[in-house]
PDB file of N, CA and C in Angstrom:
ATOM      1  N   MET A   1       0.816  -1.193   0.000  1.00  0.00           N
ATOM      2  CA  MET A   1       0.000   0.000   0.000  1.00  0.00           C
ATOM      3  C   MET A   1       0.861   1.258   0.000  1.00  0.00           C
ATOM      4  N   ASN A   2       2.042   1.236   0.622  1.00  0.00           N
ATOM      5  CA  ASN A   2       2.907   2.412   0.659  1.00  0.00           C
ATOM      6  C   ASN A   2       3.338   2.841  -0.735  1.00  0.00           C
ATOM      7  N   ARG A   3       3.628   1.877  -1.615  1.00  0.00           N
ATOM      8  CA  ARG A   3       3.999   2.218  -2.988  1.00  0.00           C
ATOM      9  C   ARG A   3       2.846   2.894  -3.706  1.00  0.00           C
ATOM     10  N   LEU A   4       1.613   2.414  -3.463  1.00  0.00           N
ATOM     11  CA  LEU A   4       0.435   3.017  -4.082  1.00  0.00           C
ATOM     12  C   LEU A   4       0.296   4.470  -3.657  1.00  0.00           C
ATOM     13  N   MET A   5       0.463   4.751  -2.374  1.00  0.00           N
ATOM     14  CA  MET A   5       0.329   6.129  -1.896  1.00  0.00           C
ATOM     15  C   MET A   5       1.415   7.018  -2.487  1.00  0.00           C
ATOM     16  N   ILE A   6       2.625   6.525  -2.607  1.00  0.00           N
ATOM     17  CA  ILE A   6       3.714   7.317  -3.192  1.00  0.00           C
ATOM     18  C   ILE A   6       3.410   7.619  -4.654  1.00  0.00           C
ATOM     19  N   LEU A   7       2.940   6.623  -5.400  1.00  0.00           N
ATOM     20  CA  LEU A   7       2.599   6.842  -6.809  1.00  0.00           C
ATOM     21  C   LEU A   7       1.469   7.859  -6.956  1.00  0.00           C
ATOM     22  N   LEU A   8       0.475   7.781  -6.077  1.00  0.00           N
ATOM     23  CA  LEU A   8      -0.624   8.736  -6.140  1.00  0.00           C
ATOM     24  C   LEU A   8      -0.138  10.142  -5.836  1.00  0.00           C
ATOM     25  N   LEU A   9       0.738  10.264  -4.866  1.00  0.00           N
ATOM     26  CA  LEU A   9       1.287  11.569  -4.522  1.00  0.00           C
ATOM     27  C   LEU A   9       2.078  12.141  -5.687  1.00  0.00           C
ATOM     28  N   LEU A  10       2.947  11.350  -6.275  1.00  0.00           N
ATOM     29  CA  LEU A  10       3.763  11.825  -7.390  1.00  0.00           C
ATOM     30  C   LEU A  10       2.905  12.145  -8.606  1.00  0.00           C
ATOM     31  N   GLY A  11       1.875  11.369  -8.839  1.00  0.00           N
ATOM     32  CA  GLY A  11       0.999  11.612  -9.979  1.00  0.00           C
ATOM     33  C   GLY A  11       0.192  12.871  -9.839  1.00  0.00           C
ATOM     34  N   SER A  12       0.003  13.344  -8.613  1.00  0.00           N
ATOM     35  CA  SER A  12      -0.803  14.538  -8.388  1.00  0.00           C
ATOM     36  C   SER A  12       0.017  15.817  -8.364  1.00  0.00           C
ATOM     37  N   VAL A  13       1.318  15.706  -8.302  1.00  0.00           N
ATOM     38  CA  VAL A  13       2.178  16.884  -8.205  1.00  0.00           C
ATOM     39  C   VAL A  13       1.987  17.859  -9.372  1.00  0.00           C
ATOM     40  N   PRO A  14       1.889  17.422 -10.647  1.00  0.00           N
ATOM     41  CA  PRO A  14       1.733  18.395 -11.719  1.00  0.00           C
ATOM     42  C   PRO A  14       0.490  19.267 -11.565  1.00  0.00           C
ATOM     43  N   CYS A  15      -0.586  18.691 -11.065  1.00  0.00           N
ATOM     44  CA  CYS A  15      -1.810  19.465 -10.859  1.00  0.00           C
ATOM     45  C   CYS A  15      -1.583  20.518  -9.782  1.00  0.00           C
ATOM     46  N   PHE A  16      -0.899  20.152  -8.698  1.00  0.00           N
ATOM     47  CA  PHE A  16      -0.623  21.079  -7.616  1.00  0.00           C
ATOM     48  C   PHE A  16       0.286  22.203  -8.092  1.00  0.00           C
ATOM     49  N   LEU A  17       1.294  21.872  -8.857  1.00  0.00           N
ATOM     50  CA  LEU A  17       2.240  22.876  -9.317  1.00  0.00           C
ATOM     51  C   LEU A  17       1.606  23.878 -10.263  1.00  0.00           C
ATOM     52  N   SER A  18       0.531  23.497 -10.961  1.00  0.00           N
ATOM     53  CA  SER A  18      -0.097  24.424 -11.882  1.00  0.00           C
ATOM     54  C   SER A  18      -1.138  25.303 -11.208  1.00  0.00           C
ATOM     55  N   ALA A  19      -1.384  25.103  -9.913  1.00  0.00           N
ATOM     56  CA  ALA A  19      -2.379  25.906  -9.201  1.00  0.00           C
ATOM     57  C   ALA A  19      -1.841  27.315  -8.957  1.00  0.00           C
ATOM     58  N   GLN A  20      -2.699  28.292  -9.121  1.00  0.00           N
ATOM     59  CA  GLN A  20      -2.332  29.650  -8.776  1.00  0.00           C
ATOM     60  C   GLN A  20      -2.317  29.733  -7.254  1.00  0.00           C
ATOM     61  N   GLN A  21      -1.420  30.529  -6.679  1.00  0.00           N
ATOM     62  CA  GLN A  21      -1.276  30.596  -5.235  1.00  0.00           C
ATOM     63  C   GLN A  21      -2.590  31.001  -4.585  1.00  0.00           C
ATOM     64  N   ASN A  22      -3.035  30.184  -3.598  1.00  0.00           N
ATOM     65  CA  ASN A  22      -4.238  30.419  -2.807  1.00  0.00           C
ATOM     66  C   ASN A  22      -5.507  30.545  -3.633  1.00  0.00           C
ATOM     67  N   GLN A  23      -5.568  29.928  -4.790  1.00  0.00           N
ATOM     68  CA  GLN A  23      -6.771  29.918  -5.608  1.00  0.00           C
ATOM     69  C   GLN A  23      -7.001  28.514  -6.103  1.00  0.00           C
ATOM     70  N   ALA A  24      -8.269  28.152  -6.309  1.00  0.00           N
ATOM     71  CA  ALA A  24      -8.602  26.819  -6.810  1.00  0.00           C
ATOM     72  C   ALA A  24      -8.715  26.847  -8.329  1.00  0.00           C
ATOM     73  N   ARG A  25      -7.810  27.545  -8.987  1.00  0.00           N
ATOM     74  CA  ARG A  25      -7.817  27.653 -10.447  1.00  0.00           C
ATOM     75  C   ARG A  25      -6.656  26.844 -10.995  1.00  0.00           C
ATOM     76  N   PHE A  26      -6.948  26.062 -12.015  1.00  0.00           N
ATOM     77  CA  PHE A  26      -5.914  25.204 -12.576  1.00  0.00           C
ATOM     78  C   PHE A  26      -5.806  25.441 -14.073  1.00  0.00           C
ATOM     79  N   THR A  27      -4.601  25.275 -14.585  1.00  0.00           N
ATOM     80  CA  THR A  27      -4.399  25.322 -16.022  1.00  0.00           C
ATOM     81  C   THR A  27      -4.166  23.900 -16.497  1.00  0.00           C
ATOM     82  N   ALA A  28      -4.915  23.512 -17.478  1.00  0.00           N
ATOM     83  CA  ALA A  28      -4.781  22.157 -18.021  1.00  0.00           C
ATOM     84  C   ALA A  28      -4.041  22.244 -19.345  1.00  0.00           C
ATOM     85  N   GLY A  29      -3.015  21.431 -19.489  1.00  0.00           N
ATOM     86  CA  GLY A  29      -2.248  21.404 -20.723  1.00  0.00           C
ATOM     87  C   GLY A  29      -2.991  20.656 -21.809  1.00  0.00           C
ATOM     88  N   PRO A  30      -2.422  20.595 -23.002  1.00  0.00           N
ATOM     89  CA  PRO A  30      -3.057  19.858 -24.091  1.00  0.00           C
ATOM     90  C   PRO A  30      -3.297  18.405 -23.690  1.00  0.00           C
ATOM     91  N   GLY A  31      -4.475  17.911 -23.974  1.00  0.00           N
ATOM     92  CA  GLY A  31      -4.796  16.529 -23.654  1.00  0.00           C
ATOM     93  C   GLY A  31      -5.169  16.300 -22.200  1.00  0.00           C
ATOM     94  N   THR A  32      -5.373  17.375 -21.429  1.00  0.00           N
ATOM     95  CA  THR A  32      -5.720  17.255 -20.014  1.00  0.00           C
ATOM     96  C   THR A  32      -7.091  17.860 -19.758  1.00  0.00           C
ATOM     97  N   LYS A  33      -7.888  17.141 -18.979  1.00  0.00           N
ATOM     98  CA  LYS A  33      -9.228  17.606 -18.614  1.00  0.00           C
ATOM     99  C   LYS A  33      -9.396  17.460 -17.110  1.00  0.00           C
ATOM    100  N   ILE A  34      -9.860  18.515 -16.447  1.00  0.00           N
ATOM    101  CA  ILE A  34     -10.079  18.492 -15.006  1.00  0.00           C
ATOM    102  C   ILE A  34     -11.569  18.676 -14.734  1.00  0.00           C
ATOM    103  N   THR A  35     -12.140  17.757 -13.966  1.00  0.00           N
ATOM    104  CA  THR A  35     -13.541  17.841 -13.562  1.00  0.00           C
ATOM    105  C   THR A  35     -13.618  17.635 -12.048  1.00  0.00           C
ATOM    106  N   LEU A  36     -14.811  17.835 -11.504  1.00  0.00           N
ATOM    107  CA  LEU A  36     -15.038  17.611 -10.079  1.00  0.00           C
ATOM    108  C   LEU A  36     -15.923  16.397  -9.885  1.00  0.00           C
ATOM    109  N   ALA A  37     -15.710  15.689  -8.780  1.00  0.00           N
ATOM    110  CA  ALA A  37     -16.538  14.547  -8.405  1.00  0.00           C
ATOM    111  C   ALA A  37     -16.724  14.589  -6.889  1.00  0.00           C
ATOM    112  N   THR A  38     -17.678  13.826  -6.396  1.00  0.00           N
ATOM    113  CA  THR A  38     -17.899  13.740  -4.956  1.00  0.00           C
ATOM    114  C   THR A  38     -17.877  12.280  -4.537  1.00  0.00           C
ATOM    115  N   GLY A  39     -17.576  12.066  -3.281  1.00  0.00           N
ATOM    116  CA  GLY A  39     -17.560  10.708  -2.743  1.00  0.00           C
ATOM    117  C   GLY A  39     -17.618  10.754  -1.230  1.00  0.00           C
ATOM    118  N   ILE A  40     -17.933   9.619  -0.642  1.00  0.00           N
ATOM    119  CA  ILE A  40     -17.987   9.478   0.810  1.00  0.00           C
ATOM    120  C   ILE A  40     -16.678   8.837   1.273  1.00  0.00           C
ATOM    121  N   VAL A  41     -16.057   9.442   2.277  1.00  0.00           N
ATOM    122  CA  VAL A  41     -14.783   8.931   2.795  1.00  0.00           C
ATOM    123  C   VAL A  41     -15.017   7.578   3.464  1.00  0.00           C
ATOM    124  N   GLU A  42     -14.316   6.553   2.949  1.00  0.00           N
ATOM    125  CA  GLU A  42     -14.397   5.205   3.513  1.00  0.00           C
ATOM    126  C   GLU A  42     -13.219   4.899   4.431  1.00  0.00           C
ATOM    127  N   LYS A  43     -12.083   5.546   4.161  1.00  0.00           N
ATOM    128  CA  LYS A  43     -10.884   5.324   4.965  1.00  0.00           C
ATOM    129  C   LYS A  43     -10.005   6.571   4.864  1.00  0.00           C
ATOM    130  N   VAL A  44      -9.288   6.872   5.937  1.00  0.00           N
ATOM    131  CA  VAL A  44      -8.378   8.017   5.972  1.00  0.00           C
ATOM    132  C   VAL A  44      -6.956   7.494   6.108  1.00  0.00           C
ATOM    133  N   PHE A  45      -6.055   8.012   5.271  1.00  0.00           N
ATOM    134  CA  PHE A  45      -4.632   7.670   5.341  1.00  0.00           C
ATOM    135  C   PHE A  45      -3.888   8.908   5.826  1.00  0.00           C
ATOM    136  N   LYS A  46      -3.104   8.766   6.887  1.00  0.00           N
ATOM    137  CA  LYS A  46      -2.313   9.883   7.406  1.00  0.00           C
ATOM    138  C   LYS A  46      -0.936   9.373   7.802  1.00  0.00           C
ATOM    139  N   LEU A  47       0.055  10.216   7.564  1.00  0.00           N
ATOM    140  CA  LEU A  47       1.413   9.895   7.980  1.00  0.00           C
ATOM    141  C   LEU A  47       2.130  11.191   8.290  1.00  0.00           C
ATOM    142  N   GLU A  48       2.847  11.213   9.408  1.00  0.00           N
ATOM    143  CA  GLU A  48       3.756  12.314   9.707  1.00  0.00           C
ATOM    144  C   GLU A  48       5.130  11.707   9.889  1.00  0.00           C
ATOM    145  N   ASP A  49       6.097  12.246   9.158  1.00  0.00           N
ATOM    146  CA  ASP A  49       7.460  11.734   9.217  1.00  0.00           C
ATOM    147  C   ASP A  49       8.392  12.929   9.345  1.00  0.00           C
ATOM    148  N   ASP A  50       8.959  13.111  10.529  1.00  0.00           N
ATOM    149  CA  ASP A  50       9.856  14.241  10.796  1.00  0.00           C
ATOM    150  C   ASP A  50       9.217  15.579  10.438  1.00  0.00           C
ATOM    151  N   GLY A  51       7.916  15.721  10.722  1.00  0.00           N
ATOM    152  CA  GLY A  51       7.214  16.970  10.456  1.00  0.00           C
ATOM    153  C   GLY A  51       6.639  17.077   9.056  1.00  0.00           C
ATOM    154  N   PHE A  52       6.930  16.116   8.178  1.00  0.00           N
ATOM    155  CA  PHE A  52       6.370  16.096   6.833  1.00  0.00           C
ATOM    156  C   PHE A  52       5.069  15.299   6.867  1.00  0.00           C
ATOM    157  N   LEU A  53       4.034  15.842   6.231  1.00  0.00           N
ATOM    158  CA  LEU A  53       2.709  15.242   6.311  1.00  0.00           C
ATOM    159  C   LEU A  53       2.283  14.625   4.994  1.00  0.00           C
ATOM    160  N   PHE A  54       1.544  13.532   5.108  1.00  0.00           N
ATOM    161  CA  PHE A  54       0.847  12.926   3.975  1.00  0.00           C
ATOM    162  C   PHE A  54      -0.565  12.643   4.444  1.00  0.00           C
ATOM    163  N   GLN A  55      -1.528  12.940   3.568  1.00  0.00           N
ATOM    164  CA  GLN A  55      -2.920  12.692   3.909  1.00  0.00           C
ATOM    165  C   GLN A  55      -3.687  12.362   2.642  1.00  0.00           C
ATOM    166  N   ALA A  56      -4.551  11.356   2.726  1.00  0.00           N
ATOM    167  CA  ALA A  56      -5.356  10.955   1.578  1.00  0.00           C
ATOM    168  C   ALA A  56      -6.626  10.273   2.078  1.00  0.00           C
ATOM    169  N   TYR A  57      -7.594  10.130   1.173  1.00  0.00           N
ATOM    170  CA  TYR A  57      -8.882   9.553   1.533  1.00  0.00           C
ATOM    171  C   TYR A  57      -9.285   8.497   0.516  1.00  0.00           C
ATOM    172  N   GLN A  58      -9.798   7.379   1.004  1.00  0.00           N
ATOM    173  CA  GLN A  58     -10.346   6.358   0.119  1.00  0.00           C
ATOM    174  C   GLN A  58     -11.830   6.656  -0.080  1.00  0.00           C
ATOM    175  N   VAL A  59     -12.251   6.724  -1.350  1.00  0.00           N
ATOM    176  CA  VAL A  59     -13.652   6.934  -1.709  1.00  0.00           C
ATOM    177  C   VAL A  59     -13.990   6.014  -2.878  1.00  0.00           C
ATOM    178  N   LYS A  60     -15.272   5.937  -3.208  1.00  0.00           N
ATOM    179  CA  LYS A  60     -15.684   5.196  -4.412  1.00  0.00           C
ATOM    180  C   LYS A  60     -15.880   6.197  -5.539  1.00  0.00           C
ATOM    181  N   TYR A  61     -15.384   5.830  -6.714  1.00  0.00           N
ATOM    182  CA  TYR A  61     -15.531   6.629  -7.926  1.00  0.00           C
ATOM    183  C   TYR A  61     -15.819   5.657  -9.054  1.00  0.00           C
ATOM    184  N   LYS A  62     -16.971   5.798  -9.667  1.00  0.00           N
ATOM    185  CA  LYS A  62     -17.382   4.916 -10.767  1.00  0.00           C
ATOM    186  C   LYS A  62     -17.241   3.445 -10.372  1.00  0.00           C
ATOM    187  N   ASN A  63     -17.776   3.110  -9.206  1.00  0.00           N
ATOM    188  CA  ASN A  63     -17.793   1.745  -8.673  1.00  0.00           C
ATOM    189  C   ASN A  63     -16.413   1.167  -8.391  1.00  0.00           C
ATOM    190  N   ALA A  64     -15.412   2.006  -8.253  1.00  0.00           N
ATOM    191  CA  ALA A  64     -14.060   1.544  -7.915  1.00  0.00           C
ATOM    192  C   ALA A  64     -13.590   2.276  -6.660  1.00  0.00           C
ATOM    193  N   GLU A  65     -12.816   1.589  -5.832  1.00  0.00           N
ATOM    194  CA  GLU A  65     -12.217   2.236  -4.673  1.00  0.00           C
ATOM    195  C   GLU A  65     -10.953   2.943  -5.134  1.00  0.00           C
ATOM    196  N   ILE A  66     -10.894   4.242  -4.860  1.00  0.00           N
ATOM    197  CA  ILE A  66      -9.727   5.038  -5.258  1.00  0.00           C
ATOM    198  C   ILE A  66      -9.204   5.800  -4.049  1.00  0.00           C
ATOM    199  N   VAL A  67      -8.015   6.369  -4.185  1.00  0.00           N
ATOM    200  CA  VAL A  67      -7.433   7.198  -3.139  1.00  0.00           C
ATOM    201  C   VAL A  67      -7.314   8.615  -3.666  1.00  0.00           C
ATOM    202  N   VAL A  68      -7.895   9.554  -2.914  1.00  0.00           N
ATOM    203  CA  VAL A  68      -7.847  10.979  -3.246  1.00  0.00           C
ATOM    204  C   VAL A  68      -6.770  11.606  -2.375  1.00  0.00           C
ATOM    205  N   ASN A  69      -5.763  12.149  -2.998  1.00  0.00           N
ATOM    206  CA  ASN A  69      -4.625  12.736  -2.300  1.00  0.00           C
ATOM    207  C   ASN A  69      -4.950  14.160  -1.853  1.00  0.00           C
ATOM    208  N   ASP A  70      -4.663  14.484  -0.599  1.00  0.00           N
ATOM    209  CA  ASP A  70      -4.792  15.848  -0.081  1.00  0.00           C
ATOM    210  C   ASP A  70      -3.412  16.488  -0.219  1.00  0.00           C
ATOM    211  N   LEU A  71      -3.239  17.278  -1.266  1.00  0.00           N
ATOM    212  CA  LEU A  71      -1.905  17.783  -1.610  1.00  0.00           C
ATOM    213  C   LEU A  71      -1.311  18.730  -0.576  1.00  0.00           C
ATOM    214  N   THR A  72      -2.156  19.427   0.185  1.00  0.00           N
ATOM    215  CA  THR A  72      -1.637  20.367   1.176  1.00  0.00           C
ATOM    216  C   THR A  72      -1.768  19.846   2.606  1.00  0.00           C
ATOM    217  N   SER A  73      -2.427  18.714   2.790  1.00  0.00           N
ATOM    218  CA  SER A  73      -2.686  18.123   4.117  1.00  0.00           C
ATOM    219  C   SER A  73      -3.367  19.107   5.060  1.00  0.00           C
ATOM    220  N   LEU A  74      -4.236  19.959   4.508  1.00  0.00           N
ATOM    221  CA  LEU A  74      -4.938  20.946   5.316  1.00  0.00           C
ATOM    222  C   LEU A  74      -6.391  20.576   5.603  1.00  0.00           C
ATOM    223  N   THR A  75      -6.900  19.523   4.967  1.00  0.00           N
ATOM    224  CA  THR A  75      -8.275  19.117   5.249  1.00  0.00           C
ATOM    225  C   THR A  75      -8.271  18.188   6.452  1.00  0.00           C
ATOM    226  N   ASN A  76      -9.429  17.963   6.993  1.00  0.00           N
ATOM    227  CA  ASN A  76      -9.530  17.084   8.151  1.00  0.00           C
ATOM    228  C   ASN A  76     -10.802  16.246   8.045  1.00  0.00           C
ATOM    229  N   TYR A  77     -10.992  15.590   6.897  1.00  0.00           N
ATOM    230  CA  TYR A  77     -12.188  14.781   6.702  1.00  0.00           C
ATOM    231  C   TYR A  77     -12.082  13.500   7.519  1.00  0.00           C
ATOM    232  N   LYS A  78     -13.262  12.994   7.882  1.00  0.00           N
ATOM    233  CA  LYS A  78     -13.343  11.753   8.645  1.00  0.00           C
ATOM    234  C   LYS A  78     -14.189  10.750   7.881  1.00  0.00           C
ATOM    235  N   MET A  79     -14.148   9.492   8.297  1.00  0.00           N
ATOM    236  CA  MET A  79     -14.964   8.466   7.664  1.00  0.00           C
ATOM    237  C   MET A  79     -16.433   8.903   7.688  1.00  0.00           C
ATOM    238  N   GLY A  80     -17.092   8.764   6.534  1.00  0.00           N
ATOM    239  CA  GLY A  80     -18.493   9.141   6.418  1.00  0.00           C
ATOM    240  C   GLY A  80     -18.707  10.535   5.870  1.00  0.00           C
ATOM    241  N   ASP A  81     -17.663  11.383   5.862  1.00  0.00           N
ATOM    242  CA  ASP A  81     -17.788  12.741   5.310  1.00  0.00           C
ATOM    243  C   ASP A  81     -17.914  12.687   3.793  1.00  0.00           C
ATOM    244  N   LYS A  82     -18.681  13.610   3.233  1.00  0.00           N
ATOM    245  CA  LYS A  82     -18.787  13.747   1.779  1.00  0.00           C
ATOM    246  C   LYS A  82     -17.745  14.772   1.342  1.00  0.00           C
ATOM    247  N   ILE A  83     -16.925  14.392   0.358  1.00  0.00           N
ATOM    248  CA  ILE A  83     -15.892  15.313  -0.124  1.00  0.00           C
ATOM    249  C   ILE A  83     -16.058  15.560  -1.626  1.00  0.00           C
ATOM    250  N   THR A  84     -15.618  16.709  -2.045  1.00  0.00           N
ATOM    251  CA  THR A  84     -15.534  17.046  -3.464  1.00  0.00           C
ATOM    252  C   THR A  84     -14.065  17.044  -3.822  1.00  0.00           C
ATOM    253  N   PHE A  85     -13.736  16.380  -4.928  1.00  0.00           N
ATOM    254  CA  PHE A  85     -12.332  16.263  -5.323  1.00  0.00           C
ATOM    255  C   PHE A  85     -12.178  16.469  -6.829  1.00  0.00           C
ATOM    256  N   ARG A  86     -10.956  16.763  -7.231  1.00  0.00           N
ATOM    257  CA  ARG A  86     -10.629  16.982  -8.640  1.00  0.00           C
ATOM    258  C   ARG A  86     -10.250  15.663  -9.298  1.00  0.00           C
ATOM    259  N   VAL A  87     -10.753  15.486 -10.511  1.00  0.00           N
ATOM    260  CA  VAL A  87     -10.398  14.328 -11.329  1.00  0.00           C
ATOM    261  C   VAL A  87      -9.634  14.876 -12.525  1.00  0.00           C
ATOM    262  N   MET A  88      -8.352  14.541 -12.628  1.00  0.00           N
ATOM    263  CA  MET A  88      -7.539  15.049 -13.727  1.00  0.00           C
ATOM    264  C   MET A  88      -7.176  13.900 -14.654  1.00  0.00           C
ATOM    265  N   LYS A  89      -7.682  13.990 -15.882  1.00  0.00           N
ATOM    266  CA  LYS A  89      -7.367  12.995 -16.907  1.00  0.00           C
ATOM    267  C   LYS A  89      -6.360  13.614 -17.862  1.00  0.00           C
ATOM    268  N   SER A  90      -5.207  12.986 -17.976  1.00  0.00           N
ATOM    269  CA  SER A  90      -4.138  13.495 -18.831  1.00  0.00           C
ATOM    270  C   SER A  90      -3.795  12.464 -19.895  1.00  0.00           C
ATOM    271  N   ASP A  91      -3.917  12.875 -21.148  1.00  0.00           N
ATOM    272  CA  ASP A  91      -3.534  12.006 -22.261  1.00  0.00           C
ATOM    273  C   ASP A  91      -2.127  12.397 -22.676  1.00  0.00           C
ATOM    274  N   LEU A  92      -1.154  11.731 -22.083  1.00  0.00           N
ATOM    275  CA  LEU A  92       0.241  12.058 -22.352  1.00  0.00           C
ATOM    276  C   LEU A  92       0.693  11.558 -23.721  1.00  0.00           C
ATOM    277  N   THR A  93      -0.133  10.715 -24.362  1.00  0.00           N
ATOM    278  CA  THR A  93       0.221  10.208 -25.687  1.00  0.00           C
ATOM    279  C   THR A  93       0.159  11.310 -26.742  1.00  0.00           C
ATOM    280  N   THR A  94      -0.488  12.452 -26.417  1.00  0.00           N
ATOM    281  CA  THR A  94      -0.545  13.552 -27.390  1.00  0.00           C
ATOM    282  C   THR A  94       0.835  14.155 -27.629  1.00  0.00           C
ATOM    283  N   SER A  95       1.732  14.040 -26.628  1.00  0.00           N
ATOM    284  CA  SER A  95       3.080  14.581 -26.802  1.00  0.00           C
ATOM    285  C   SER A  95       4.111  13.497 -27.083  1.00  0.00           C
ATOM    286  N   ASN A  96       3.793  12.252 -26.721  1.00  0.00           N
ATOM    287  CA  ASN A  96       4.731  11.154 -26.944  1.00  0.00           C
ATOM    288  C   ASN A  96       3.942   9.847 -26.965  1.00  0.00           C
ATOM    289  N   PRO A  97       3.880   9.151 -28.096  1.00  0.00           N
ATOM    290  CA  PRO A  97       3.079   7.926 -28.181  1.00  0.00           C
ATOM    291  C   PRO A  97       3.552   6.804 -27.263  1.00  0.00           C
ATOM    292  N   ASN A  98       4.757   6.917 -26.711  1.00  0.00           N
ATOM    293  CA  ASN A  98       5.249   5.904 -25.782  1.00  0.00           C
ATOM    294  C   ASN A  98       4.726   6.110 -24.361  1.00  0.00           C
ATOM    295  N   LEU A  99       4.109   7.259 -24.117  1.00  0.00           N
ATOM    296  CA  LEU A  99       3.556   7.540 -22.790  1.00  0.00           C
ATOM    297  C   LEU A  99       2.134   7.007 -22.707  1.00  0.00           C
ATOM    298  N   LYS A 100       1.480   7.207 -21.575  1.00  0.00           N
ATOM    299  CA  LYS A 100       0.154   6.643 -21.338  1.00  0.00           C
ATOM    300  C   LYS A 100      -0.870   7.714 -21.010  1.00  0.00           C
ATOM    301  N   LYS A 101      -2.116   7.281 -20.992  1.00  0.00           N
ATOM    302  CA  LYS A 101      -3.194   8.106 -20.454  1.00  0.00           C
ATOM    303  C   LYS A 101      -3.235   7.811 -18.958  1.00  0.00           C
ATOM    304  N   MET A 102      -3.399   8.857 -18.135  1.00  0.00           N
ATOM    305  CA  MET A 102      -3.429   8.638 -16.697  1.00  0.00           C
ATOM    306  C   MET A 102      -4.521   9.470 -16.057  1.00  0.00           C
ATOM    307  N   ILE A 103      -4.942   9.035 -14.892  1.00  0.00           N
ATOM    308  CA  ILE A 103      -5.963   9.754 -14.142  1.00  0.00           C
ATOM    309  C   ILE A 103      -5.468   9.912 -12.714  1.00  0.00           C
ATOM    310  N   THR A 104      -5.635  11.113 -12.156  1.00  0.00           N
ATOM    311  CA  THR A 104      -5.239  11.370 -10.769  1.00  0.00           C
ATOM    312  C   THR A 104      -6.404  12.040 -10.054  1.00  0.00           C
ATOM    313  N   PHE A 105      -6.423  11.880  -8.747  1.00  0.00           N
ATOM    314  CA  PHE A 105      -7.500  12.412  -7.914  1.00  0.00           C
ATOM    315  C   PHE A 105      -6.867  13.193  -6.777  1.00  0.00           C
ATOM    316  N   ASN A 106      -7.342  14.434  -6.542  1.00  0.00           N
ATOM    317  CA  ASN A 106      -6.790  15.195  -5.433  1.00  0.00           C
ATOM    318  C   ASN A 106      -7.771  16.227  -4.917  1.00  0.00           C
ATOM    319  N   VAL A 107      -7.512  16.645  -3.707  1.00  0.00           N
ATOM    320  CA  VAL A 107      -8.243  17.718  -3.056  1.00  0.00           C
ATOM    321  C   VAL A 107      -7.189  18.678  -2.513  1.00  0.00           C
ATOM    322  N   ILE A 108      -7.459  19.964  -2.650  1.00  0.00           N
ATOM    323  CA  ILE A 108      -6.525  20.977  -2.165  1.00  0.00           C
ATOM    324  C   ILE A 108      -7.319  22.026  -1.399  1.00  0.00           C
ATOM    325  N   LYS A 109      -6.880  22.319  -0.200  1.00  0.00           N
ATOM    326  CA  LYS A 109      -7.457  23.409   0.582  1.00  0.00           C
ATOM    327  C   LYS A 109      -6.365  24.458   0.722  1.00  0.00           C
ATOM    328  N   PHE A 110      -6.681  25.678   0.326  1.00  0.00           N
ATOM    329  CA  PHE A 110      -5.703  26.747   0.401  1.00  0.00           C
ATOM    330  C   PHE A 110      -5.925  27.593   1.638  1.00  0.00           C
ATOM    331  N   LEU A 111      -4.846  28.103   2.194  1.00  0.00           N
ATOM    332  CA  LEU A 111      -4.929  29.038   3.302  1.00  0.00           C
ATOM    333  C   LEU A 111      -5.214  30.434   2.754  1.00  0.00           C
ATOM    334  N   PRO A 112      -5.915  31.266   3.526  1.00  0.00           N
ATOM    335  CA  PRO A 112      -6.104  32.652   3.060  1.00  0.00           C
ATOM    336  C   PRO A 112      -4.788  33.395   3.033  1.00  0.00           C
ATOM    337  N   ASN A 113      -4.729  34.439   2.222  1.00  0.00           N
ATOM    338  CA  ASN A 113      -3.509  35.261   2.171  1.00  0.00           C
ATOM    339  C   ASN A 113      -3.250  35.885   3.523  1.00  0.00           C
ATOM    340  N   PRO A 114      -1.982  35.969   3.953  1.00  0.00           N
ATOM    341  CA  PRO A 114      -1.668  36.564   5.274  1.00  0.00           C
ATOM    342  C   PRO A 114      -1.896  38.048   5.288  1.00  0.00           C
TER     343      PRO A 114
END
């Protein structure tokens, strides 16, 4: 399971990096589509390692159990909570036919400007 969480975290980084600071606005590159979905939290994954945080939630999406990564670890959802998350579908084959189509799931909560 640890490898799965690491892959999900790494797969979600491009979406986080394209976010405007403290705004829920994203830029999608060619072959990328971002939509919203909702799900009920079935399990919570949390890890703190030397002050570094990881947080994610297991939900059902299209009859499959998936893990939604909390990129900022600022949410505090519990089992049974309804969450809204981003679904990012990226067709990387548009830039290189040797690459794949991938899907990532994440939730980001931004802090207000100081």
